[in-house]
Amino acid sequence: MVAGTPRVLRVMNERAALDLLTEHGALSRARIGALTGLSKPTVSQLLARLEAAGLVGSAGTSEGRPGPGARLYALRGEVAYVAALDVRPGRIRAAVADVTGTVLATHTLATPARPGPGGVAAQLTAALDGAAAAAGTERPALRRVVVGTPGAFDPRTGRLRYAGHLAGWHSPGLLAEVAAALHPVPVEYENDVNLAAVAERRLGAARGHEDFVLLWNGTGLGAALVIGGRLHRGWTGGAGEIGFLPVAGTPLVRGVARSGSGGFQELAGAQALPRLARELGVPVPEPDSATADDASGEAVAAALLRTAAEAYTRPGEDPVPGAAELPHDGTFSLHAGPVALLRAYAVRLATGIASLVAVLDPAVIVLTGRVLAAGGEPLLRLTEAELAELAPSRPRLLAGEVTGDPVVRGGLEVALTTVRDEVFDTAAL
């Protein structure tokens, strides 16, 4: 092993200090020394260099102790800005964050069923411009943009797959058009559910886990597969498109590439809940005609599960009023009500999850997305109990913890990882 030169050690120490300021926020010189093990003179020198380089600045003084407060140092957020976009039918949501990870602004752009002049590139540009302006900066000042979409871009062809419902996104020249429109800002693409998994691993329920599955149910069913701490995307980028999974309890679906749906989607996707509710005599709310079709169906499914979860946990009542325990063959009384809806849906959900468990054997499965979140703890526990009967191992089922838009948050985390490596490299100082 070659001993590190003083210059290499200096760069390593400065990066360690910058990472601590990223993780903890403002810190005193003494605290940085305690966390790094560096001497007081060494910490003083590196902070002086980082301050001269414009990477850190004064953040006031510490309080709560007798005597003068110690000077605090913090990252200067304006050193770099990044953006992330969550693309769905009917809208694009954009957010801008500074290098500390603080979200400065968000902007939602309504998009028509068919892109207008300028196509998708014009939509992305408009969404970014709106978010950048709200953040007090401009689009060219962004260091990196991450775009989250349903489906995935095939690394061999550069074309979007598994997302036929996303109008305007299937042109063979799309990536080049977007790159030209956003130049000189680098653009990166990732599956939206994968980005939600990044957010949960960095900030939420999957922290500390190297092997987990994130199951998302919003406008569609999808999963992110994290194996050994890395996202597994597959040969075409389609790993985790579990809506296409053939499952028991629904007829075998053929021609899935044309229809954009498969067995698990038909069994447990958002569109399945209204049908199941009607079979059980549960009133189905009317869809909101003001929203896009997919978003409206997602809202109806979420409303049904929310009502069912509330009925299940209503104080002072039998959790299964007037109904027997749901048999494992999936049969039930046609008038069992919202609680039976929750139980029946848990059986359907566990049916698909059991296949994932048999193949991947994850330690944890995180349930998230608007529909699954609406079922809350009751849906989580019912699904876990059913899964214990269907799967050979028993992973922990956890509710997603990242609120707001996990896709956007994950996109920002991906962008920040790259940009921090760029701006925190002090070798040239």
Protein backbone atom coordinates (compact mmCIF):
# COMPACT_ATOMS: atom_id res chain seq x y z
CA MET A 1 0.00 0.00 0.00
CA VAL A 2 1.33 3.45 -0.93
CA ALA A 3 1.17 5.99 1.88
CA GLY A 4 -1.07 8.96 1.23
CA THR A 5 0.65 12.21 0.29
CA PRO A 6 -0.12 15.36 2.31
CA ARG A 7 -2.18 16.65 -0.63
CA VAL A 8 -4.25 13.46 -0.80
CA LEU A 9 -4.82 13.52 2.95
CA ARG A 10 -5.85 17.16 2.78
CA VAL A 11 -8.45 16.41 0.09
CA MET A 12 -9.78 13.44 2.08
CA ASN A 13 -10.06 15.51 5.27
CA GLU A 14 -11.84 18.33 3.47
CA ARG A 15 -14.30 15.91 1.90
CA ALA A 16 -14.96 14.34 5.31
CA ALA A 17 -15.74 17.78 6.75
CA LEU A 18 -18.05 18.63 3.84
CA ASP A 19 -19.89 15.34 4.23
CA LEU A 20 -20.38 16.01 7.95
CA LEU A 21 -21.79 19.45 7.22
CA THR A 22 -24.13 17.86 4.65
CA GLU A 23 -25.35 15.28 7.17
CA HIS A 24 -25.54 17.38 10.35
CA GLY A 25 -25.98 20.96 9.17
CA ALA A 26 -24.09 23.75 10.93
CA LEU A 27 -21.21 22.57 13.14
CA SER A 28 -18.56 24.20 15.26
CA ARG A 29 -14.86 23.69 14.67
CA ALA A 30 -14.63 21.64 17.87
CA ARG A 31 -17.53 19.41 16.82
CA ILE A 32 -15.97 18.76 13.40
CA GLY A 33 -12.75 17.83 15.17
CA ALA A 34 -14.57 15.44 17.49
CA LEU A 35 -16.43 13.76 14.62
CA THR A 36 -13.37 13.41 12.36
CA GLY A 37 -10.65 12.88 14.97
CA LEU A 38 -8.61 15.68 13.41
CA SER A 39 -6.59 18.09 15.51
CA LYS A 40 -7.76 21.63 16.19
CA PRO A 41 -5.08 23.23 13.93
CA THR A 42 -5.92 20.83 11.07
CA VAL A 43 -9.65 21.60 11.33
CA SER A 44 -8.93 25.34 11.44
CA GLN A 45 -6.79 25.11 8.30
CA LEU A 46 -9.28 23.06 6.32
CA LEU A 47 -12.19 25.32 7.27
CA ALA A 48 -10.16 28.34 6.20
CA ARG A 49 -9.51 26.72 2.80
CA LEU A 50 -13.15 25.68 2.35
CA GLU A 51 -14.34 29.16 3.32
CA ALA A 52 -11.90 30.79 0.89
CA ALA A 53 -13.16 28.46 -1.83
CA GLY A 54 -16.74 29.58 -1.16
CA LEU A 55 -17.92 26.12 -0.13
CA VAL A 56 -18.68 26.93 3.51
CA GLY A 57 -19.57 30.06 5.42
CA SER A 58 -20.40 31.34 8.85
CA ALA A 59 -23.75 30.24 10.30
CA GLY A 60 -23.81 32.25 13.53
CA THR A 61 -22.70 30.98 16.92
CA SER A 62 -23.71 28.11 19.18
CA GLU A 63 -26.04 28.73 22.10
CA GLY A 64 -26.99 27.03 25.36
CA ARG A 65 -23.61 27.02 27.10
CA PRO A 66 -21.99 29.56 29.45
CA GLY A 67 -19.58 32.00 27.88
CA PRO A 68 -19.20 33.13 24.28
CA GLY A 69 -20.76 30.87 21.67
CA ALA A 70 -18.56 28.97 19.26
CA ARG A 71 -18.60 30.00 15.62
CA LEU A 72 -20.67 27.64 13.46
CA TYR A 73 -19.85 26.66 9.89
CA ALA A 74 -22.31 25.48 7.26
CA LEU A 75 -22.39 24.59 3.58
CA ARG A 76 -23.26 27.45 1.28
CA GLY A 77 -26.36 26.25 -0.48
CA GLU A 78 -25.86 28.52 -3.48
CA VAL A 79 -22.72 26.61 -4.47
CA ALA A 80 -24.85 24.36 -6.69
CA TYR A 81 -28.47 23.72 -7.62
CA VAL A 82 -30.11 20.54 -8.91
CA ALA A 83 -33.58 19.66 -10.13
CA ALA A 84 -35.82 16.61 -10.39
CA LEU A 85 -39.01 15.99 -12.34
CA ASP A 86 -41.80 13.48 -11.76
CA VAL A 87 -43.59 12.82 -15.05
CA ARG A 88 -47.07 11.34 -15.09
CA PRO A 89 -50.00 11.48 -17.50
CA GLY A 90 -51.60 14.90 -17.14
CA ARG A 91 -48.81 16.66 -15.24
CA ILE A 92 -45.11 17.17 -14.61
CA ARG A 93 -43.92 18.13 -11.13
CA ALA A 94 -40.50 19.79 -10.84
CA ALA A 95 -38.45 20.73 -7.80
CA VAL A 96 -35.18 22.61 -7.31
CA ALA A 97 -32.83 22.02 -4.36
CA ASP A 98 -29.52 23.51 -3.35
CA VAL A 99 -26.40 21.52 -2.56
CA THR A 100 -27.46 21.06 1.08
CA GLY A 101 -30.54 19.14 -0.12
CA THR A 102 -32.95 21.90 0.89
CA VAL A 103 -35.89 22.06 -1.53
CA LEU A 104 -36.19 25.68 -2.59
CA ALA A 105 -39.28 25.47 -4.77
CA THR A 106 -41.63 23.17 -6.63
CA HIS A 107 -43.73 23.75 -9.72
CA THR A 108 -46.46 21.61 -11.26
CA LEU A 109 -47.20 21.89 -14.96
CA ALA A 110 -50.48 20.52 -16.31
CA THR A 111 -49.87 18.68 -19.58
CA PRO A 112 -52.40 17.92 -22.33
CA ALA A 113 -53.26 14.42 -23.49
CA ARG A 114 -51.09 15.05 -26.54
CA PRO A 115 -47.99 17.28 -26.40
CA GLY A 116 -48.28 20.54 -28.30
CA PRO A 117 -45.61 22.39 -30.31
CA GLY A 118 -42.14 21.52 -29.08
CA GLY A 119 -43.37 18.21 -27.70
CA VAL A 120 -42.01 16.67 -24.53
CA ALA A 121 -38.86 18.80 -24.61
CA ALA A 122 -40.96 21.97 -24.38
CA GLN A 123 -42.96 20.53 -21.47
CA LEU A 124 -39.84 19.63 -19.49
CA THR A 125 -38.31 23.02 -20.20
CA ALA A 126 -41.44 24.84 -19.04
CA ALA A 127 -41.66 22.78 -15.84
CA LEU A 128 -37.99 23.42 -15.03
CA ASP A 129 -38.28 27.11 -15.83
CA GLY A 130 -41.21 27.41 -13.44
CA ALA A 131 -39.40 25.66 -10.59
CA ALA A 132 -36.14 27.53 -11.18
CA ALA A 133 -37.89 30.90 -11.22
CA ALA A 134 -39.74 30.08 -8.00
CA ALA A 135 -36.38 29.13 -6.44
CA GLY A 136 -34.84 32.45 -7.41
CA THR A 137 -32.48 31.04 -10.03
CA GLU A 138 -32.50 30.14 -13.72
CA ARG A 139 -32.51 26.84 -15.57
CA PRO A 140 -28.96 27.18 -17.00
CA ALA A 141 -27.66 27.52 -13.41
CA LEU A 142 -28.73 23.95 -12.60
CA ARG A 143 -25.84 21.50 -12.32
CA ARG A 144 -27.93 18.40 -13.02
CA VAL A 145 -31.50 17.30 -13.75
CA VAL A 146 -33.00 13.87 -13.04
CA VAL A 147 -36.25 12.89 -14.76
CA GLY A 148 -38.45 10.16 -13.30
CA THR A 149 -40.94 8.44 -15.60
CA PRO A 150 -43.08 5.32 -15.59
CA GLY A 151 -41.42 2.47 -17.43
CA ALA A 152 -37.76 2.65 -18.38
CA PHE A 153 -35.55 3.74 -21.24
CA ASP A 154 -34.08 0.67 -22.90
CA PRO A 155 -30.28 1.10 -22.67
CA ARG A 156 -29.87 -0.61 -26.07
CA THR A 157 -32.31 1.55 -28.05
CA GLY A 158 -32.80 4.69 -25.97
CA ARG A 159 -36.58 4.32 -26.29
CA LEU A 160 -39.11 4.30 -23.44
CA ARG A 161 -40.68 0.92 -22.71
CA TYR A 162 -43.47 -0.29 -20.40
CA ALA A 163 -45.23 3.10 -20.42
CA GLY A 164 -47.53 3.17 -23.41
CA HIS A 165 -49.89 5.49 -21.53
CA LEU A 166 -47.32 8.32 -21.50
CA ALA A 167 -48.19 10.21 -24.68
CA GLY A 168 -45.40 11.80 -26.69
CA TRP A 169 -42.59 9.94 -24.96
CA HIS A 170 -41.93 7.25 -27.57
CA SER A 171 -40.18 9.18 -30.32
CA PRO A 172 -36.83 7.58 -31.29
CA GLY A 173 -35.15 11.00 -31.12
CA LEU A 174 -36.65 12.06 -27.80
CA LEU A 175 -33.50 11.90 -25.66
CA ALA A 176 -31.52 13.95 -28.18
CA GLU A 177 -34.32 16.52 -28.39
CA VAL A 178 -34.46 16.94 -24.61
CA ALA A 179 -30.67 17.12 -24.33
CA ALA A 180 -30.60 19.89 -26.94
CA ALA A 181 -33.41 21.81 -25.26
CA LEU A 182 -31.81 21.69 -21.80
CA HIS A 183 -28.18 22.15 -22.90
CA PRO A 184 -25.78 22.67 -21.14
CA VAL A 185 -27.49 21.06 -18.14
CA PRO A 186 -26.84 17.27 -17.92
CA VAL A 187 -30.02 15.17 -17.86
CA GLU A 188 -30.42 11.72 -16.33
CA TYR A 189 -33.46 9.41 -16.57
CA GLU A 190 -34.70 6.85 -14.08
CA ASN A 191 -37.80 4.80 -13.45
CA ASP A 192 -40.12 6.64 -11.05
CA VAL A 193 -40.50 3.72 -8.63
CA ASN A 194 -36.73 3.28 -8.53
CA LEU A 195 -36.42 6.91 -7.49
CA ALA A 196 -38.96 6.37 -4.72
CA ALA A 197 -36.77 3.50 -3.51
CA VAL A 198 -33.72 5.78 -3.48
CA ALA A 199 -35.67 8.25 -1.34
CA GLU A 200 -36.78 5.56 1.11
CA ARG A 201 -33.26 4.13 1.39
CA ARG A 202 -31.65 7.52 2.00
CA LEU A 203 -34.35 9.19 4.08
CA GLY A 204 -37.15 6.77 4.95
CA ALA A 205 -38.24 3.28 5.89
CA ALA A 206 -35.43 1.40 4.10
CA ARG A 207 -32.51 3.19 5.76
CA GLY A 208 -29.79 0.69 6.65
CA HIS A 209 -31.17 -2.06 4.40
CA GLU A 210 -29.09 -3.53 1.58
CA ASP A 211 -31.77 -5.91 0.25
CA PHE A 212 -35.33 -4.70 -0.04
CA VAL A 213 -38.26 -4.34 -2.39
CA LEU A 214 -40.36 -1.22 -2.70
CA LEU A 215 -43.90 -1.89 -3.90
CA TRP A 216 -45.69 1.09 -5.40
CA ASN A 217 -49.36 1.33 -6.28
CA GLY A 218 -50.49 4.58 -7.80
CA THR A 219 -51.71 4.82 -11.36
CA GLY A 220 -49.99 1.46 -11.86
CA LEU A 221 -48.34 -1.32 -9.88
CA GLY A 222 -44.55 -1.35 -9.87
CA ALA A 223 -41.62 -2.43 -7.76
CA ALA A 224 -38.05 -1.35 -7.22
CA LEU A 225 -35.55 -4.11 -6.48
CA VAL A 226 -32.52 -3.25 -4.36
CA ILE A 227 -30.00 -6.08 -4.13
CA GLY A 228 -26.74 -5.65 -2.25
CA GLY A 229 -27.41 -1.95 -1.94
CA ARG A 230 -27.78 -1.45 -5.72
CA LEU A 231 -30.85 -0.96 -7.86
CA HIS A 232 -31.43 -3.93 -10.14
CA ARG A 233 -32.77 -2.67 -13.48
CA GLY A 234 -32.54 -5.75 -15.69
CA TRP A 235 -31.51 -6.17 -19.31
CA THR A 236 -34.06 -3.74 -20.80
CA GLY A 237 -34.58 -1.62 -17.69
CA GLY A 238 -37.84 -3.38 -16.95
CA ALA A 239 -36.97 -5.20 -13.72
CA GLY A 240 -39.77 -4.51 -11.25
CA GLU A 241 -42.59 -4.13 -13.80
CA ILE A 242 -44.61 -6.51 -11.66
CA GLY A 243 -47.98 -5.43 -13.01
CA PHE A 244 -47.25 -7.90 -15.82
CA LEU A 245 -46.74 -10.79 -13.36
CA PRO A 246 -49.13 -13.73 -14.00
CA VAL A 247 -50.85 -14.53 -10.70
CA ALA A 248 -53.52 -16.82 -9.33
CA GLY A 249 -56.95 -15.26 -8.89
CA THR A 250 -57.24 -13.64 -12.30
CA PRO A 251 -57.45 -15.08 -15.84
CA LEU A 252 -54.15 -15.41 -17.67
CA VAL A 253 -53.54 -12.14 -19.51
CA ARG A 254 -51.99 -12.43 -22.96
CA GLY A 255 -50.62 -9.75 -25.25
CA VAL A 256 -49.38 -7.75 -22.28
CA ALA A 257 -46.96 -5.70 -24.39
CA ARG A 258 -49.91 -4.39 -26.41
CA SER A 259 -52.38 -3.95 -23.55
CA GLY A 260 -49.92 -2.43 -21.07
CA SER A 261 -51.39 -4.54 -18.29
CA GLY A 262 -50.94 -8.00 -16.83
CA GLY A 263 -52.26 -10.39 -14.21
CA PHE A 264 -51.10 -8.65 -11.02
CA GLN A 265 -52.22 -5.26 -12.32
CA GLU A 266 -55.67 -6.67 -13.06
CA LEU A 267 -55.82 -8.37 -9.67
CA ALA A 268 -54.49 -5.62 -7.38
CA GLY A 269 -54.00 -2.45 -9.42
CA ALA A 270 -55.99 0.71 -8.78
CA GLN A 271 -58.56 -0.26 -11.42
CA ALA A 272 -59.34 -3.51 -9.57
CA LEU A 273 -60.59 -1.85 -6.38
CA PRO A 274 -63.83 -0.34 -7.74
CA ARG A 275 -64.77 -3.72 -9.24
CA LEU A 276 -64.04 -5.50 -5.99
CA ALA A 277 -65.99 -2.88 -4.01
CA ARG A 278 -69.07 -3.32 -6.19
CA GLU A 279 -68.95 -7.09 -5.70
CA LEU A 280 -69.01 -6.46 -1.94
CA GLY A 281 -71.79 -3.89 -2.08
CA VAL A 282 -69.46 -1.04 -1.08
CA PRO A 283 -70.38 2.35 -2.59
CA VAL A 284 -67.80 3.57 -5.10
CA PRO A 285 -67.11 7.33 -5.18
CA GLU A 286 -67.55 9.10 -8.50
CA PRO A 287 -64.30 9.90 -10.30
CA ASP A 288 -63.29 13.54 -10.57
CA SER A 289 -63.91 14.53 -14.16
CA ALA A 290 -61.52 17.47 -13.76
CA THR A 291 -58.49 15.20 -13.47
CA ALA A 292 -56.76 12.92 -15.93
CA ASP A 293 -58.23 9.44 -16.22
CA ASP A 294 -55.32 7.67 -14.54
CA ALA A 295 -55.12 10.16 -11.67
CA SER A 296 -58.88 9.96 -11.19
CA GLY A 297 -58.83 6.16 -10.95
CA GLU A 298 -55.96 6.37 -8.47
CA ALA A 299 -57.97 8.80 -6.32
CA VAL A 300 -61.05 6.53 -6.32
CA ALA A 301 -58.98 3.49 -5.30
CA ALA A 302 -57.28 5.46 -2.54
CA ALA A 303 -60.63 6.72 -1.23
CA LEU A 304 -62.01 3.18 -1.06
CA LEU A 305 -59.03 1.86 0.91
CA ARG A 306 -59.00 4.87 3.22
CA THR A 307 -62.67 4.33 4.10
CA ALA A 308 -62.06 0.60 4.60
CA ALA A 309 -59.06 1.22 6.86
CA GLU A 310 -61.06 3.69 8.95
CA ALA A 311 -63.86 1.14 9.34
CA TYR A 312 -61.36 -1.52 10.39
CA THR A 313 -59.92 0.65 13.16
CA ARG A 314 -63.10 2.44 14.28
CA PRO A 315 -63.02 2.57 18.11
CA GLY A 316 -65.54 0.47 20.00
CA GLU A 317 -66.51 -1.70 17.07
CA ASP A 318 -65.74 -5.27 16.10
CA PRO A 319 -63.04 -4.95 13.41
CA VAL A 320 -65.13 -7.26 11.25
CA PRO A 321 -68.71 -6.11 11.93
CA GLY A 322 -71.21 -8.74 10.88
CA ALA A 323 -68.71 -10.70 8.85
CA ALA A 324 -66.64 -13.81 9.41
CA GLU A 325 -62.91 -13.96 8.89
CA LEU A 326 -62.12 -13.91 5.19
CA PRO A 327 -61.36 -17.47 4.04
CA HIS A 328 -57.99 -18.04 2.39
CA ASP A 329 -59.65 -19.12 -0.85
CA GLY A 330 -60.71 -15.48 -1.35
CA THR A 331 -64.46 -16.10 -1.05
CA PHE A 332 -66.55 -13.70 0.97
CA SER A 333 -70.07 -12.46 1.58
CA LEU A 334 -71.22 -10.11 -1.17
CA HIS A 335 -72.39 -7.63 1.48
CA ALA A 336 -69.58 -7.83 3.99
CA GLY A 337 -68.79 -4.14 3.66
CA PRO A 338 -65.62 -2.03 3.71
CA VAL A 339 -63.73 -4.25 6.17
CA ALA A 340 -64.12 -7.27 3.89
CA LEU A 341 -62.90 -5.05 1.04
CA LEU A 342 -59.72 -4.37 2.96
CA ARG A 343 -59.25 -8.06 3.78
CA ALA A 344 -59.93 -9.20 0.22
CA TYR A 345 -57.53 -6.63 -1.19
CA ALA A 346 -54.83 -7.74 1.27
CA VAL A 347 -55.18 -11.29 -0.05
CA ARG A 348 -54.76 -10.05 -3.61
CA LEU A 349 -51.77 -7.93 -2.71
CA ALA A 350 -50.06 -10.75 -0.82
CA THR A 351 -50.60 -13.10 -3.78
CA GLY A 352 -48.30 -11.05 -5.98
CA ILE A 353 -45.83 -10.17 -3.24
CA ALA A 354 -45.37 -13.87 -2.46
CA SER A 355 -43.81 -14.37 -5.91
CA LEU A 356 -41.32 -11.57 -5.26
CA VAL A 357 -40.41 -13.06 -1.90
CA ALA A 358 -39.84 -16.52 -3.38
CA VAL A 359 -37.44 -15.15 -6.00
CA LEU A 360 -35.67 -12.32 -4.15
CA ASP A 361 -35.93 -13.18 -0.44
CA PRO A 362 -35.79 -9.52 0.66
CA ALA A 363 -35.34 -8.49 4.29
CA VAL A 364 -37.88 -5.68 3.96
CA ILE A 365 -40.75 -4.73 1.65
CA VAL A 366 -41.78 -1.08 1.67
CA LEU A 367 -45.39 -0.36 0.63
CA THR A 368 -45.95 3.10 -0.76
CA GLY A 369 -47.73 5.09 -3.45
CA ARG A 370 -51.05 6.87 -3.04
CA VAL A 371 -53.23 3.76 -3.11
CA LEU A 372 -51.25 1.63 -0.67
CA ALA A 373 -50.65 4.56 1.67
CA ALA A 374 -54.41 5.05 1.93
CA GLY A 375 -54.78 1.55 3.42
CA GLY A 376 -52.44 2.52 6.25
CA GLU A 377 -51.43 0.19 9.07
CA PRO A 378 -54.53 -2.07 8.76
CA LEU A 379 -53.70 -2.98 5.15
CA LEU A 380 -50.04 -3.47 6.07
CA ARG A 381 -50.80 -5.90 8.91
CA LEU A 382 -53.46 -7.85 6.98
CA THR A 383 -51.12 -8.24 4.01
CA GLU A 384 -48.28 -9.34 6.27
CA ALA A 385 -50.48 -11.98 7.91
CA GLU A 386 -51.62 -13.32 4.55
CA LEU A 387 -48.06 -13.30 3.20
CA ALA A 388 -46.96 -15.50 6.11
CA GLU A 389 -49.27 -18.19 4.68
CA LEU A 390 -48.09 -17.81 1.08
CA ALA A 391 -44.36 -17.10 1.14
CA PRO A 392 -41.47 -19.32 2.28
CA SER A 393 -39.82 -16.50 4.26
CA ARG A 394 -41.26 -13.62 6.27
CA PRO A 395 -39.89 -10.21 5.31
CA ARG A 396 -40.92 -7.17 7.33
CA LEU A 397 -43.57 -5.06 5.65
CA LEU A 398 -43.07 -1.34 6.28
CA ALA A 399 -45.04 1.72 5.26
CA GLY A 400 -43.17 4.29 3.20
CA GLU A 401 -42.00 7.25 5.26
CA VAL A 402 -41.05 9.81 2.61
CA THR A 403 -43.96 12.22 2.32
CA GLY A 404 -44.85 14.63 -0.44
CA ASP A 405 -43.50 13.30 -3.73
CA PRO A 406 -41.03 10.43 -3.13
CA VAL A 407 -40.18 10.33 -6.84
CA VAL A 408 -39.03 13.96 -6.82
CA ARG A 409 -37.17 13.48 -3.54
CA GLY A 410 -35.37 10.43 -4.92
CA GLY A 411 -34.49 12.31 -8.10
CA LEU A 412 -32.97 15.13 -6.08
CA GLU A 413 -30.94 12.62 -4.04
CA VAL A 414 -29.58 11.03 -7.21
CA ALA A 415 -28.65 14.42 -8.67
CA LEU A 416 -27.08 15.58 -5.42
CA THR A 417 -24.88 12.49 -5.18
CA THR A 418 -23.26 13.29 -8.52
CA VAL A 419 -23.07 17.05 -8.04
CA ARG A 420 -21.57 16.84 -4.55
CA ASP A 421 -18.82 14.61 -5.91
CA GLU A 422 -18.11 17.37 -8.43
CA VAL A 423 -18.23 20.45 -6.24
CA PHE A 424 -16.76 18.83 -3.12
CA ASP A 425 -13.62 17.76 -5.02
CA THR A 426 -11.04 20.16 -3.59
CA ALA A 427 -8.00 18.61 -5.30
CA ALA A 428 -7.56 21.69 -7.49
CA LEU A 429 -7.70 24.19 -4.59
